[in-house]
Amino acid sequence: MNRLYFCIFNSDSGVEVVPESVYHALNIIRIVLLEADTQTIIEHLKGRDDKDYSEESVSTLSDKEREQSERIAQLLKCPLDIYRMAFTDEDLDHVAALLNVGG
């Protein structure tokens, strides 16, 4: 299982969509998009990047991530599961079940 990004922040905190051509060589068979509320993402990014992102920027990133994941799933003809993280122990179980890990 690999972590993929569909969008990233550029150096000006604008949202850049990763080109579709990137995904063709990756042999993707399923996409699981993990989502969270905007404030949780802002806190995570602050801890990771030591940078303050606006609510608007993070909301735009989340929207574009969903759009691009749907587009890539269609392009690659693979299933897309979207899971909203609760940040509890159940998250791991739910995502593992989506991926059929150990099953």
PDB file of N, CA and C in Angstrom:
ATOM      1  N   MET A   1       0.852  -1.171   0.000  1.00  0.00           N
ATOM      2  CA  MET A   1       0.000   0.000   0.000  1.00  0.00           C
ATOM      3  C   MET A   1       0.897   1.233   0.000  1.00  0.00           C
ATOM      4  N   ASN A   2       0.592   2.146  -0.889  1.00  0.00           N
ATOM      5  CA  ASN A   2       1.368   3.378  -1.006  1.00  0.00           C
ATOM      6  C   ASN A   2       0.493   4.581  -0.743  1.00  0.00           C
ATOM      7  N   ARG A   3       1.101   5.614  -0.237  1.00  0.00           N
ATOM      8  CA  ARG A   3       0.406   6.876  -0.034  1.00  0.00           C
ATOM      9  C   ARG A   3       0.574   7.711  -1.294  1.00  0.00           C
ATOM     10  N   LEU A   4      -0.536   8.192  -1.809  1.00  0.00           N
ATOM     11  CA  LEU A   4      -0.524   9.037  -2.998  1.00  0.00           C
ATOM     12  C   LEU A   4      -1.168  10.367  -2.669  1.00  0.00           C
ATOM     13  N   TYR A   5      -0.755  11.362  -3.381  1.00  0.00           N
ATOM     14  CA  TYR A   5      -1.399  12.661  -3.273  1.00  0.00           C
ATOM     15  C   TYR A   5      -1.988  13.002  -4.621  1.00  0.00           C
ATOM     16  N   PHE A   6      -3.149  13.605  -4.606  1.00  0.00           N
ATOM     17  CA  PHE A   6      -3.790  14.036  -5.834  1.00  0.00           C
ATOM     18  C   PHE A   6      -3.582  15.521  -6.046  1.00  0.00           C
ATOM     19  N   CYS A   7      -3.317  16.236  -4.963  1.00  0.00           N
ATOM     20  CA  CYS A   7      -3.062  17.670  -5.008  1.00  0.00           C
ATOM     21  C   CYS A   7      -2.019  18.004  -3.941  1.00  0.00           C
ATOM     22  N   ILE A   8      -1.299  19.078  -4.190  1.00  0.00           N
ATOM     23  CA  ILE A   8      -0.309  19.548  -3.226  1.00  0.00           C
ATOM     24  C   ILE A   8      -0.377  21.071  -3.154  1.00  0.00           C
ATOM     25  N   PHE A   9       0.179  21.625  -2.088  1.00  0.00           N
ATOM     26  CA  PHE A   9       0.321  23.067  -2.002  1.00  0.00           C
ATOM     27  C   PHE A   9       1.615  23.467  -2.694  1.00  0.00           C
ATOM     28  N   ASN A  10       1.567  24.518  -3.495  1.00  0.00           N
ATOM     29  CA  ASN A  10       2.799  25.045  -4.079  1.00  0.00           C
ATOM     30  C   ASN A  10       3.440  26.013  -3.091  1.00  0.00           C
ATOM     31  N   SER A  11       4.530  26.632  -3.476  1.00  0.00           N
ATOM     32  CA  SER A  11       5.275  27.504  -2.549  1.00  0.00           C
ATOM     33  C   SER A  11       4.485  28.748  -2.135  1.00  0.00           C
ATOM     34  N   ASP A  12       3.438  29.085  -2.887  1.00  0.00           N
ATOM     35  CA  ASP A  12       2.585  30.226  -2.537  1.00  0.00           C
ATOM     36  C   ASP A  12       1.316  29.806  -1.809  1.00  0.00           C
ATOM     37  N   SER A  13       1.271  28.548  -1.368  1.00  0.00           N
ATOM     38  CA  SER A  13       0.113  27.952  -0.691  1.00  0.00           C
ATOM     39  C   SER A  13      -1.093  27.814  -1.614  1.00  0.00           C
ATOM     40  N   GLY A  14      -0.857  27.860  -2.911  1.00  0.00           N
ATOM     41  CA  GLY A  14      -1.915  27.576  -3.875  1.00  0.00           C
ATOM     42  C   GLY A  14      -1.990  26.072  -4.096  1.00  0.00           C
ATOM     43  N   VAL A  15      -3.134  25.609  -4.560  1.00  0.00           N
ATOM     44  CA  VAL A  15      -3.343  24.182  -4.772  1.00  0.00           C
ATOM     45  C   VAL A  15      -2.935  23.805  -6.191  1.00  0.00           C
ATOM     46  N   GLU A  16      -2.060  22.802  -6.292  1.00  0.00           N
ATOM     47  CA  GLU A  16      -1.622  22.265  -7.580  1.00  0.00           C
ATOM     48  C   GLU A  16      -2.140  20.835  -7.702  1.00  0.00           C
ATOM     49  N   VAL A  17      -2.767  20.528  -8.819  1.00  0.00           N
ATOM     50  CA  VAL A  17      -3.255  19.179  -9.084  1.00  0.00           C
ATOM     51  C   VAL A  17      -2.118  18.369  -9.699  1.00  0.00           C
ATOM     52  N   VAL A  18      -1.866  17.185  -9.145  1.00  0.00           N
ATOM     53  CA  VAL A  18      -0.832  16.300  -9.691  1.00  0.00           C
ATOM     54  C   VAL A  18      -1.330  15.799 -11.051  1.00  0.00           C
ATOM     55  N   PRO A  19      -0.498  15.873 -12.083  1.00  0.00           N
ATOM     56  CA  PRO A  19      -0.941  15.471 -13.430  1.00  0.00           C
ATOM     57  C   PRO A  19      -1.382  14.008 -13.492  1.00  0.00           C
ATOM     58  N   GLU A  20      -2.417  13.763 -14.300  1.00  0.00           N
ATOM     59  CA  GLU A  20      -2.962  12.409 -14.450  1.00  0.00           C
ATOM     60  C   GLU A  20      -1.909  11.421 -14.933  1.00  0.00           C
ATOM     61  N   SER A  21      -0.965  11.868 -15.728  1.00  0.00           N
ATOM     62  CA  SER A  21       0.053  10.970 -16.297  1.00  0.00           C
ATOM     63  C   SER A  21       0.889  10.284 -15.225  1.00  0.00           C
ATOM     64  N   VAL A  22       0.969  10.867 -14.047  1.00  0.00           N
ATOM     65  CA  VAL A  22       1.757  10.303 -12.947  1.00  0.00           C
ATOM     66  C   VAL A  22       1.213   8.942 -12.518  1.00  0.00           C
ATOM     67  N   TYR A  23      -0.081   8.754 -12.591  1.00  0.00           N
ATOM     68  CA  TYR A  23      -0.727   7.578 -12.015  1.00  0.00           C
ATOM     69  C   TYR A  23      -0.685   6.341 -12.912  1.00  0.00           C
ATOM     70  N   HIS A  24      -0.480   6.520 -14.196  1.00  0.00           N
ATOM     71  CA  HIS A  24      -0.519   5.391 -15.129  1.00  0.00           C
ATOM     72  C   HIS A  24       0.530   4.318 -14.823  1.00  0.00           C
ATOM     73  N   ALA A  25       1.714   4.699 -14.434  1.00  0.00           N
ATOM     74  CA  ALA A  25       2.803   3.739 -14.216  1.00  0.00           C
ATOM     75  C   ALA A  25       2.772   3.107 -12.826  1.00  0.00           C
ATOM     76  N   LEU A  26       1.820   3.476 -12.008  1.00  0.00           N
ATOM     77  CA  LEU A  26       1.832   3.037 -10.609  1.00  0.00           C
ATOM     78  C   LEU A  26       1.074   1.746 -10.339  1.00  0.00           C
ATOM     79  N   ASN A  27       0.408   1.179 -11.332  1.00  0.00           N
ATOM     80  CA  ASN A  27      -0.305  -0.085 -11.178  1.00  0.00           C
ATOM     81  C   ASN A  27      -1.308  -0.030 -10.014  1.00  0.00           C
ATOM     82  N   ILE A  28      -2.090   1.020  -9.985  1.00  0.00           N
ATOM     83  CA  ILE A  28      -3.083   1.224  -8.928  1.00  0.00           C
ATOM     84  C   ILE A  28      -4.287   0.320  -9.185  1.00  0.00           C
ATOM     85  N   ILE A  29      -4.703  -0.410  -8.143  1.00  0.00           N
ATOM     86  CA  ILE A  29      -5.868  -1.286  -8.290  1.00  0.00           C
ATOM     87  C   ILE A  29      -7.038  -0.832  -7.416  1.00  0.00           C
ATOM     88  N   ARG A  30      -6.811   0.051  -6.479  1.00  0.00           N
ATOM     89  CA  ARG A  30      -7.874   0.585  -5.617  1.00  0.00           C
ATOM     90  C   ARG A  30      -7.367   1.889  -5.020  1.00  0.00           C
ATOM     91  N   ILE A  31      -8.280   2.832  -4.837  1.00  0.00           N
ATOM     92  CA  ILE A  31      -7.959   4.097  -4.196  1.00  0.00           C
ATOM     93  C   ILE A  31      -8.824   4.234  -2.956  1.00  0.00           C
ATOM     94  N   VAL A  32      -8.190   4.554  -1.837  1.00  0.00           N
ATOM     95  CA  VAL A  32      -8.912   4.879  -0.613  1.00  0.00           C
ATOM     96  C   VAL A  32      -8.533   6.313  -0.268  1.00  0.00           C
ATOM     97  N   LEU A  33      -9.495   7.211  -0.400  1.00  0.00           N
ATOM     98  CA  LEU A  33      -9.268   8.614  -0.073  1.00  0.00           C
ATOM     99  C   LEU A  33      -9.651   8.832   1.382  1.00  0.00           C
ATOM    100  N   LEU A  34      -8.693   9.283   2.172  1.00  0.00           N
ATOM    101  CA  LEU A  34      -8.938   9.573   3.584  1.00  0.00           C
ATOM    102  C   LEU A  34      -9.195  11.062   3.733  1.00  0.00           C
ATOM    103  N   GLU A  35     -10.324  11.397   4.319  1.00  0.00           N
ATOM    104  CA  GLU A  35     -10.687  12.793   4.509  1.00  0.00           C
ATOM    105  C   GLU A  35     -10.809  13.086   5.996  1.00  0.00           C
ATOM    106  N   ALA A  36     -10.738  14.369   6.322  1.00  0.00           N
ATOM    107  CA  ALA A  36     -10.912  14.821   7.703  1.00  0.00           C
ATOM    108  C   ALA A  36     -11.489  16.229   7.649  1.00  0.00           C
ATOM    109  N   ASP A  37     -11.955  16.708   8.806  1.00  0.00           N
ATOM    110  CA  ASP A  37     -12.491  18.063   8.805  1.00  0.00           C
ATOM    111  C   ASP A  37     -11.341  19.056   8.633  1.00  0.00           C
ATOM    112  N   THR A  38     -11.681  20.210   8.146  1.00  0.00           N
ATOM    113  CA  THR A  38     -10.691  21.231   7.776  1.00  0.00           C
ATOM    114  C   THR A  38      -9.783  21.598   8.939  1.00  0.00           C
ATOM    115  N   GLN A  39     -10.346  21.786  10.114  1.00  0.00           N
ATOM    116  CA  GLN A  39      -9.533  22.203  11.265  1.00  0.00           C
ATOM    117  C   GLN A  39      -8.515  21.138  11.647  1.00  0.00           C
ATOM    118  N   THR A  40      -8.892  19.877  11.571  1.00  0.00           N
ATOM    119  CA  THR A  40      -7.961  18.781  11.869  1.00  0.00           C
ATOM    120  C   THR A  40      -6.816  18.774  10.868  1.00  0.00           C
ATOM    121  N   ILE A  41      -7.125  18.989   9.612  1.00  0.00           N
ATOM    122  CA  ILE A  41      -6.080  19.029   8.581  1.00  0.00           C
ATOM    123  C   ILE A  41      -5.140  20.199   8.824  1.00  0.00           C
ATOM    124  N   ILE A  42      -5.696  21.352   9.172  1.00  0.00           N
ATOM    125  CA  ILE A  42      -4.867  22.539   9.453  1.00  0.00           C
ATOM    126  C   ILE A  42      -3.900  22.246  10.599  1.00  0.00           C
ATOM    127  N   GLU A  43      -4.393  21.618  11.653  1.00  0.00           N
ATOM    128  CA  GLU A  43      -3.539  21.284  12.802  1.00  0.00           C
ATOM    129  C   GLU A  43      -2.446  20.295  12.406  1.00  0.00           C
ATOM    130  N   HIS A  44      -2.798  19.292  11.609  1.00  0.00           N
ATOM    131  CA  HIS A  44      -1.813  18.314  11.148  1.00  0.00           C
ATOM    132  C   HIS A  44      -0.729  18.986  10.305  1.00  0.00           C
ATOM    133  N   LEU A  45      -1.144  19.835   9.369  1.00  0.00           N
ATOM    134  CA  LEU A  45      -0.177  20.516   8.507  1.00  0.00           C
ATOM    135  C   LEU A  45       0.719  21.458   9.306  1.00  0.00           C
ATOM    136  N   LYS A  46       0.167  22.112  10.310  1.00  0.00           N
ATOM    137  CA  LYS A  46       0.959  22.996  11.174  1.00  0.00           C
ATOM    138  C   LYS A  46       2.046  22.185  11.889  1.00  0.00           C
ATOM    139  N   GLY A  47       1.681  21.008  12.390  1.00  0.00           N
ATOM    140  CA  GLY A  47       2.649  20.145  13.067  1.00  0.00           C
ATOM    141  C   GLY A  47       3.688  19.596  12.110  1.00  0.00           C
ATOM    142  N   ARG A  48       3.262  19.264  10.890  1.00  0.00           N
ATOM    143  CA  ARG A  48       4.167  18.674   9.905  1.00  0.00           C
ATOM    144  C   ARG A  48       5.083  19.715   9.265  1.00  0.00           C
ATOM    145  N   ASP A  49       4.492  20.843   8.843  1.00  0.00           N
ATOM    146  CA  ASP A  49       5.226  21.836   8.053  1.00  0.00           C
ATOM    147  C   ASP A  49       5.645  23.065   8.841  1.00  0.00           C
ATOM    148  N   ASP A  50       5.136  23.197  10.070  1.00  0.00           N
ATOM    149  CA  ASP A  50       5.343  24.405  10.862  1.00  0.00           C
ATOM    150  C   ASP A  50       4.942  25.639  10.060  1.00  0.00           C
ATOM    151  N   LYS A  51       3.789  25.524   9.400  1.00  0.00           N
ATOM    152  CA  LYS A  51       3.288  26.602   8.556  1.00  0.00           C
ATOM    153  C   LYS A  51       1.790  26.723   8.783  1.00  0.00           C
ATOM    154  N   ASP A  52       1.292  27.950   8.780  1.00  0.00           N
ATOM    155  CA  ASP A  52      -0.135  28.195   8.950  1.00  0.00           C
ATOM    156  C   ASP A  52      -0.813  28.244   7.585  1.00  0.00           C
ATOM    157  N   TYR A  53      -1.778  27.354   7.382  1.00  0.00           N
ATOM    158  CA  TYR A  53      -2.574  27.344   6.157  1.00  0.00           C
ATOM    159  C   TYR A  53      -3.953  27.878   6.488  1.00  0.00           C
ATOM    160  N   SER A  54      -4.521  28.639   5.570  1.00  0.00           N
ATOM    161  CA  SER A  54      -5.852  29.200   5.803  1.00  0.00           C
ATOM    162  C   SER A  54      -6.913  28.126   5.646  1.00  0.00           C
ATOM    163  N   GLU A  55      -8.048  28.372   6.273  1.00  0.00           N
ATOM    164  CA  GLU A  55      -9.178  27.459   6.141  1.00  0.00           C
ATOM    165  C   GLU A  55      -9.599  27.348   4.672  1.00  0.00           C
ATOM    166  N   GLU A  56      -9.583  28.464   3.975  1.00  0.00           N
ATOM    167  CA  GLU A  56      -9.961  28.475   2.558  1.00  0.00           C
ATOM    168  C   GLU A  56      -9.019  27.605   1.722  1.00  0.00           C
ATOM    169  N   SER A  57      -7.710  27.716   1.956  1.00  0.00           N
ATOM    170  CA  SER A  57      -6.735  26.917   1.208  1.00  0.00           C
ATOM    171  C   SER A  57      -6.928  25.427   1.457  1.00  0.00           C
ATOM    172  N   VAL A  58      -7.118  25.057   2.710  1.00  0.00           N
ATOM    173  CA  VAL A  58      -7.268  23.645   3.057  1.00  0.00           C
ATOM    174  C   VAL A  58      -8.591  23.103   2.523  1.00  0.00           C
ATOM    175  N   SER A  59      -9.633  23.899   2.581  1.00  0.00           N
ATOM    176  CA  SER A  59     -10.919  23.482   2.041  1.00  0.00           C
ATOM    177  C   SER A  59     -10.825  23.278   0.523  1.00  0.00           C
ATOM    178  N   THR A  60     -10.135  24.176  -0.159  1.00  0.00           N
ATOM    179  CA  THR A  60      -9.920  24.044  -1.597  1.00  0.00           C
ATOM    180  C   THR A  60      -9.122  22.790  -1.898  1.00  0.00           C
ATOM    181  N   LEU A  61      -8.067  22.548  -1.127  1.00  0.00           N
ATOM    182  CA  LEU A  61      -7.258  21.343  -1.311  1.00  0.00           C
ATOM    183  C   LEU A  61      -8.121  20.085  -1.151  1.00  0.00           C
ATOM    184  N   SER A  62      -8.939  20.040  -0.126  1.00  0.00           N
ATOM    185  CA  SER A  62      -9.796  18.877   0.121  1.00  0.00           C
ATOM    186  C   SER A  62     -10.773  18.652  -1.030  1.00  0.00           C
ATOM    187  N   ASP A  63     -11.383  19.721  -1.495  1.00  0.00           N
ATOM    188  CA  ASP A  63     -12.324  19.607  -2.611  1.00  0.00           C
ATOM    189  C   ASP A  63     -11.636  19.105  -3.871  1.00  0.00           C
ATOM    190  N   LYS A  64     -10.464  19.655  -4.163  1.00  0.00           N
ATOM    191  CA  LYS A  64      -9.723  19.252  -5.361  1.00  0.00           C
ATOM    192  C   LYS A  64      -9.214  17.816  -5.240  1.00  0.00           C
ATOM    193  N   GLU A  65      -8.818  17.414  -4.035  1.00  0.00           N
ATOM    194  CA  GLU A  65      -8.376  16.039  -3.806  1.00  0.00           C
ATOM    195  C   GLU A  65      -9.500  15.060  -4.144  1.00  0.00           C
ATOM    196  N   ARG A  66     -10.695  15.371  -3.680  1.00  0.00           N
ATOM    197  CA  ARG A  66     -11.839  14.491  -3.954  1.00  0.00           C
ATOM    198  C   ARG A  66     -12.126  14.450  -5.453  1.00  0.00           C
ATOM    199  N   GLU A  67     -12.172  15.610  -6.087  1.00  0.00           N
ATOM    200  CA  GLU A  67     -12.422  15.669  -7.533  1.00  0.00           C
ATOM    201  C   GLU A  67     -11.386  14.863  -8.312  1.00  0.00           C
ATOM    202  N   GLN A  68     -10.125  15.057  -7.969  1.00  0.00           N
ATOM    203  CA  GLN A  68      -9.051  14.380  -8.704  1.00  0.00           C
ATOM    204  C   GLN A  68      -9.042  12.880  -8.417  1.00  0.00           C
ATOM    205  N   SER A  69      -9.344  12.477  -7.190  1.00  0.00           N
ATOM    206  CA  SER A  69      -9.388  11.039  -6.891  1.00  0.00           C
ATOM    207  C   SER A  69     -10.501  10.376  -7.689  1.00  0.00           C
ATOM    208  N   GLU A  70     -11.638  11.042  -7.830  1.00  0.00           N
ATOM    209  CA  GLU A  70     -12.740  10.502  -8.628  1.00  0.00           C
ATOM    210  C   GLU A  70     -12.332  10.398 -10.099  1.00  0.00           C
ATOM    211  N   ARG A  71     -11.655  11.423 -10.589  1.00  0.00           N
ATOM    212  CA  ARG A  71     -11.198  11.430 -11.987  1.00  0.00           C
ATOM    213  C   ARG A  71     -10.188  10.308 -12.240  1.00  0.00           C
ATOM    214  N   ILE A  72      -9.236  10.127 -11.334  1.00  0.00           N
ATOM    215  CA  ILE A  72      -8.207   9.104 -11.512  1.00  0.00           C
ATOM    216  C   ILE A  72      -8.813   7.706 -11.399  1.00  0.00           C
ATOM    217  N   ALA A  73      -9.748   7.516 -10.484  1.00  0.00           N
ATOM    218  CA  ALA A  73     -10.410   6.212 -10.356  1.00  0.00           C
ATOM    219  C   ALA A  73     -11.138   5.862 -11.652  1.00  0.00           C
ATOM    220  N   GLN A  74     -11.805   6.821 -12.248  1.00  0.00           N
ATOM    221  CA  GLN A  74     -12.476   6.581 -13.537  1.00  0.00           C
ATOM    222  C   GLN A  74     -11.461   6.289 -14.623  1.00  0.00           C
ATOM    223  N   LEU A  75     -10.405   7.073 -14.674  1.00  0.00           N
ATOM    224  CA  LEU A  75      -9.377   6.914 -15.693  1.00  0.00           C
ATOM    225  C   LEU A  75      -8.729   5.526 -15.621  1.00  0.00           C
ATOM    226  N   LEU A  76      -8.433   5.081 -14.399  1.00  0.00           N
ATOM    227  CA  LEU A  76      -7.765   3.792 -14.210  1.00  0.00           C
ATOM    228  C   LEU A  76      -8.743   2.630 -14.050  1.00  0.00           C
ATOM    229  N   LYS A  77     -10.035   2.954 -14.061  1.00  0.00           N
ATOM    230  CA  LYS A  77     -11.078   1.926 -13.912  1.00  0.00           C
ATOM    231  C   LYS A  77     -10.859   1.090 -12.647  1.00  0.00           C
ATOM    232  N   CYS A  78     -10.628   1.787 -11.548  1.00  0.00           N
ATOM    233  CA  CYS A  78     -10.428   1.099 -10.277  1.00  0.00           C
ATOM    234  C   CYS A  78     -11.414   1.648  -9.246  1.00  0.00           C
ATOM    235  N   PRO A  79     -11.723   0.851  -8.226  1.00  0.00           N
ATOM    236  CA  PRO A  79     -12.670   1.312  -7.210  1.00  0.00           C
ATOM    237  C   PRO A  79     -12.092   2.458  -6.384  1.00  0.00           C
ATOM    238  N   LEU A  80     -12.970   3.341  -5.954  1.00  0.00           N
ATOM    239  CA  LEU A  80     -12.616   4.451  -5.079  1.00  0.00           C
ATOM    240  C   LEU A  80     -13.485   4.366  -3.839  1.00  0.00           C
ATOM    241  N   ASP A  81     -12.849   4.305  -2.678  1.00  0.00           N
ATOM    242  CA  ASP A  81     -13.552   4.375  -1.399  1.00  0.00           C
ATOM    243  C   ASP A  81     -13.146   5.677  -0.731  1.00  0.00           C
ATOM    244  N   ILE A  82     -14.119   6.388  -0.214  1.00  0.00           N
ATOM    245  CA  ILE A  82     -13.843   7.637   0.497  1.00  0.00           C
ATOM    246  C   ILE A  82     -14.231   7.429   1.952  1.00  0.00           C
ATOM    247  N   TYR A  83     -13.265   7.649   2.833  1.00  0.00           N
ATOM    248  CA  TYR A  83     -13.483   7.420   4.258  1.00  0.00           C
ATOM    249  C   TYR A  83     -13.141   8.686   5.030  1.00  0.00           C
ATOM    250  N   ARG A  84     -14.084   9.127   5.842  1.00  0.00           N
ATOM    251  CA  ARG A  84     -13.866  10.301   6.685  1.00  0.00           C
ATOM    252  C   ARG A  84     -13.282   9.837   8.018  1.00  0.00           C
ATOM    253  N   MET A  85     -12.069  10.255   8.288  1.00  0.00           N
ATOM    254  CA  MET A  85     -11.363   9.845   9.497  1.00  0.00           C
ATOM    255  C   MET A  85     -12.054  10.390  10.750  1.00  0.00           C
ATOM    256  N   ALA A  86     -12.179   9.509  11.747  1.00  0.00           N
ATOM    257  CA  ALA A  86     -12.719   9.907  13.045  1.00  0.00           C
ATOM    258  C   ALA A  86     -11.593  10.045  14.069  1.00  0.00           C
ATOM    259  N   PHE A  87     -10.406   9.540  13.714  1.00  0.00           N
ATOM    260  CA  PHE A  87      -9.234   9.546  14.585  1.00  0.00           C
ATOM    261  C   PHE A  87      -9.498   8.769  15.867  1.00  0.00           C
ATOM    262  N   THR A  88     -10.068   7.569  15.653  1.00  0.00           N
ATOM    263  CA  THR A  88     -10.287   6.610  16.728  1.00  0.00           C
ATOM    264  C   THR A  88      -9.681   5.286  16.271  1.00  0.00           C
ATOM    265  N   ASP A  89      -9.711   4.310  17.161  1.00  0.00           N
ATOM    266  CA  ASP A  89      -9.186   2.983  16.819  1.00  0.00           C
ATOM    267  C   ASP A  89      -9.941   2.352  15.662  1.00  0.00           C
ATOM    268  N   GLU A  90     -11.180   2.745  15.463  1.00  0.00           N
ATOM    269  CA  GLU A  90     -11.981   2.168  14.390  1.00  0.00           C
ATOM    270  C   GLU A  90     -11.478   2.546  13.000  1.00  0.00           C
ATOM    271  N   ASP A  91     -10.745   3.648  12.883  1.00  0.00           N
ATOM    272  CA  ASP A  91     -10.229   4.066  11.569  1.00  0.00           C
ATOM    273  C   ASP A  91      -9.387   2.960  10.934  1.00  0.00           C
ATOM    274  N   LEU A  92      -8.466   2.415  11.680  1.00  0.00           N
ATOM    275  CA  LEU A  92      -7.580   1.380  11.145  1.00  0.00           C
ATOM    276  C   LEU A  92      -8.376   0.151  10.713  1.00  0.00           C
ATOM    277  N   ASP A  93      -9.310  -0.262  11.543  1.00  0.00           N
ATOM    278  CA  ASP A  93     -10.128  -1.428  11.208  1.00  0.00           C
ATOM    279  C   ASP A  93     -10.945  -1.185   9.941  1.00  0.00           C
ATOM    280  N   HIS A  94     -11.517  -0.009   9.839  1.00  0.00           N
ATOM    281  CA  HIS A  94     -12.356   0.299   8.679  1.00  0.00           C
ATOM    282  C   HIS A  94     -11.531   0.338   7.395  1.00  0.00           C
ATOM    283  N   VAL A  95     -10.406   1.008   7.432  1.00  0.00           N
ATOM    284  CA  VAL A  95      -9.563   1.109   6.237  1.00  0.00           C
ATOM    285  C   VAL A  95      -8.986  -0.260   5.865  1.00  0.00           C
ATOM    286  N   ALA A  96      -8.586  -1.043   6.860  1.00  0.00           N
ATOM    287  CA  ALA A  96      -8.090  -2.402   6.596  1.00  0.00           C
ATOM    288  C   ALA A  96      -9.179  -3.239   5.921  1.00  0.00           C
ATOM    289  N   ALA A  97     -10.427  -3.085   6.373  1.00  0.00           N
ATOM    290  CA  ALA A  97     -11.522  -3.835   5.753  1.00  0.00           C
ATOM    291  C   ALA A  97     -11.731  -3.376   4.308  1.00  0.00           C
ATOM    292  N   LEU A  98     -11.606  -2.096   4.051  1.00  0.00           N
ATOM    293  CA  LEU A  98     -11.719  -1.591   2.678  1.00  0.00           C
ATOM    294  C   LEU A  98     -10.652  -2.203   1.785  1.00  0.00           C
ATOM    295  N   LEU A  99      -9.467  -2.361   2.336  1.00  0.00           N
ATOM    296  CA  LEU A  99      -8.347  -2.919   1.569  1.00  0.00           C
ATOM    297  C   LEU A  99      -8.315  -4.446   1.632  1.00  0.00           C
ATOM    298  N   ASN A 100      -9.199  -5.022   2.445  1.00  0.00           N
ATOM    299  CA  ASN A 100      -9.260  -6.458   2.633  1.00  0.00           C
ATOM    300  C   ASN A 100      -7.927  -7.019   3.132  1.00  0.00           C
ATOM    301  N   VAL A 101      -7.293  -6.280   4.028  1.00  0.00           N
ATOM    302  CA  VAL A 101      -6.016  -6.701   4.600  1.00  0.00           C
ATOM    303  C   VAL A 101      -6.266  -7.844   5.557  1.00  0.00           C
ATOM    304  N   GLY A 102      -5.514  -8.905   5.349  1.00  0.00           N
ATOM    305  CA  GLY A 102      -5.622 -10.069   6.216  1.00  0.00           C
ATOM    306  C   GLY A 102      -6.872 -10.891   5.973  1.00  0.00           C
ATOM    307  N   GLY A 103      -7.571 -10.614   4.864  1.00  0.00           N
ATOM    308  CA  GLY A 103      -8.826 -11.313   4.646  1.00  0.00           C
ATOM    309  C   GLY A 103      -8.808 -12.260   3.513  1.00  0.00           C
TER     310      GLY A 103
END
